[in-house]
Amino acid sequence: MSVNRVCFNCGSSSLVSDRSLGGKIVCSKCGSSSFKNKSSSFLKSKKFVFLAIAIAIFIIVI
């Protein structure tokens, strides 16, 4: 099980190996077999947007 992958459908990171499918990795919540890598850049950009909004509000208040 890889830590840096998440389910493309539901976003869950709990993946299991399904024995009936020959060991194919599937999502334990929705059963999908399509995955994507977690992107830390999304979290960084989200933090940057909140920081920019906070600075803009601070400047407007002053």
C-alpha atoms as a PDB file:
ATOM      1  CA  MET A   1       0.000   0.000   0.000  1.00  0.00           C
ATOM      2  CA  SER A   2       1.427   3.344  -1.040  1.00  0.00           C
ATOM      3  CA  VAL A   3       1.032   6.317   1.250  1.00  0.00           C
ATOM      4  CA  ASN A   4       1.270   8.971  -1.442  1.00  0.00           C
ATOM      5  CA  ARG A   5      -1.733   7.798  -3.500  1.00  0.00           C
ATOM      6  CA  VAL A   6      -5.405   8.619  -3.024  1.00  0.00           C
ATOM      7  CA  CYS A   7      -8.583   7.390  -4.694  1.00  0.00           C
ATOM      8  CA  PHE A   8      -9.593   9.451  -7.715  1.00  0.00           C
ATOM      9  CA  ASN A   9     -13.339   9.064  -6.943  1.00  0.00           C
ATOM     10  CA  CYS A  10     -13.678   9.593  -3.196  1.00  0.00           C
ATOM     11  CA  GLY A  11     -10.274  10.966  -2.139  1.00  0.00           C
ATOM     12  CA  SER A  12      -9.663   8.257   0.426  1.00  0.00           C
ATOM     13  CA  SER A  13      -6.137   7.061   1.124  1.00  0.00           C
ATOM     14  CA  SER A  14      -7.192   3.660   2.495  1.00  0.00           C
ATOM     15  CA  LEU A  15      -6.223   1.221  -0.260  1.00  0.00           C
ATOM     16  CA  VAL A  16      -6.293  -2.555  -0.091  1.00  0.00           C
ATOM     17  CA  SER A  17      -5.095  -5.392  -2.281  1.00  0.00           C
ATOM     18  CA  ASP A  18      -8.108  -7.370  -3.569  1.00  0.00           C
ATOM     19  CA  ARG A  19      -7.328 -11.087  -3.679  1.00  0.00           C
ATOM     20  CA  SER A  20     -10.215 -11.872  -6.024  1.00  0.00           C
ATOM     21  CA  LEU A  21      -8.756  -9.527  -8.645  1.00  0.00           C
ATOM     22  CA  GLY A  22      -5.295 -11.068  -8.494  1.00  0.00           C
ATOM     23  CA  GLY A  23      -3.874  -8.626  -5.990  1.00  0.00           C
ATOM     24  CA  LYS A  24      -5.015  -5.478  -7.775  1.00  0.00           C
ATOM     25  CA  ILE A  25      -5.084  -2.470  -5.457  1.00  0.00           C
ATOM     26  CA  VAL A  26      -8.555  -0.993  -4.916  1.00  0.00           C
ATOM     27  CA  CYS A  27     -10.056   1.654  -2.652  1.00  0.00           C
ATOM     28  CA  SER A  28     -11.520   0.143   0.512  1.00  0.00           C
ATOM     29  CA  LYS A  29     -14.333   2.722   0.672  1.00  0.00           C
ATOM     30  CA  CYS A  30     -15.700   2.884  -2.875  1.00  0.00           C
ATOM     31  CA  GLY A  31     -14.017  -0.081  -4.620  1.00  0.00           C
ATOM     32  CA  SER A  32     -12.521   1.998  -7.429  1.00  0.00           C
ATOM     33  CA  SER A  33      -9.171   1.064  -8.935  1.00  0.00           C
ATOM     34  CA  SER A  34      -8.263   4.531 -10.262  1.00  0.00           C
ATOM     35  CA  PHE A  35      -5.800   6.544  -8.177  1.00  0.00           C
ATOM     36  CA  LYS A  36      -3.878   9.786  -8.272  1.00  0.00           C
ATOM     37  CA  ASN A  37      -0.846  10.999  -6.384  1.00  0.00           C
ATOM     38  CA  LYS A  38      -1.266  13.387  -3.494  1.00  0.00           C
ATOM     39  CA  SER A  39      -0.041  16.800  -4.508  1.00  0.00           C
ATOM     40  CA  SER A  40       1.524  18.887  -1.810  1.00  0.00           C
ATOM     41  CA  SER A  41       1.562  21.876  -4.170  1.00  0.00           C
ATOM     42  CA  PHE A  42      -2.242  22.122  -3.877  1.00  0.00           C
ATOM     43  CA  LEU A  43      -1.985  22.430  -0.113  1.00  0.00           C
ATOM     44  CA  LYS A  44       0.790  24.997  -0.415  1.00  0.00           C
ATOM     45  CA  SER A  45      -1.177  27.073  -2.916  1.00  0.00           C
ATOM     46  CA  LYS A  46      -4.256  26.875  -0.695  1.00  0.00           C
ATOM     47  CA  LYS A  47      -2.255  28.184   2.249  1.00  0.00           C
ATOM     48  CA  PHE A  48      -0.846  30.938   0.031  1.00  0.00           C
ATOM     49  CA  VAL A  49      -4.362  32.052  -0.977  1.00  0.00           C
ATOM     50  CA  PHE A  50      -5.506  32.220   2.657  1.00  0.00           C
ATOM     51  CA  LEU A  51      -2.376  34.163   3.587  1.00  0.00           C
ATOM     52  CA  ALA A  52      -2.972  36.633   0.746  1.00  0.00           C
ATOM     53  CA  ILE A  53      -6.611  37.133   1.805  1.00  0.00           C
ATOM     54  CA  ALA A  54      -5.565  37.657   5.433  1.00  0.00           C
ATOM     55  CA  ILE A  55      -2.984  40.265   4.414  1.00  0.00           C
ATOM     56  CA  ALA A  56      -5.519  42.043   2.182  1.00  0.00           C
ATOM     57  CA  ILE A  57      -8.076  42.171   5.016  1.00  0.00           C
ATOM     58  CA  PHE A  58      -5.409  43.429   7.409  1.00  0.00           C
ATOM     59  CA  ILE A  59      -4.441  46.218   4.993  1.00  0.00           C
ATOM     60  CA  ILE A  60      -8.102  47.202   4.461  1.00  0.00           C
ATOM     61  CA  VAL A  61      -8.737  47.374   8.217  1.00  0.00           C
ATOM     62  CA  ILE A  62      -5.743  49.623   8.767  1.00  0.00           C
END
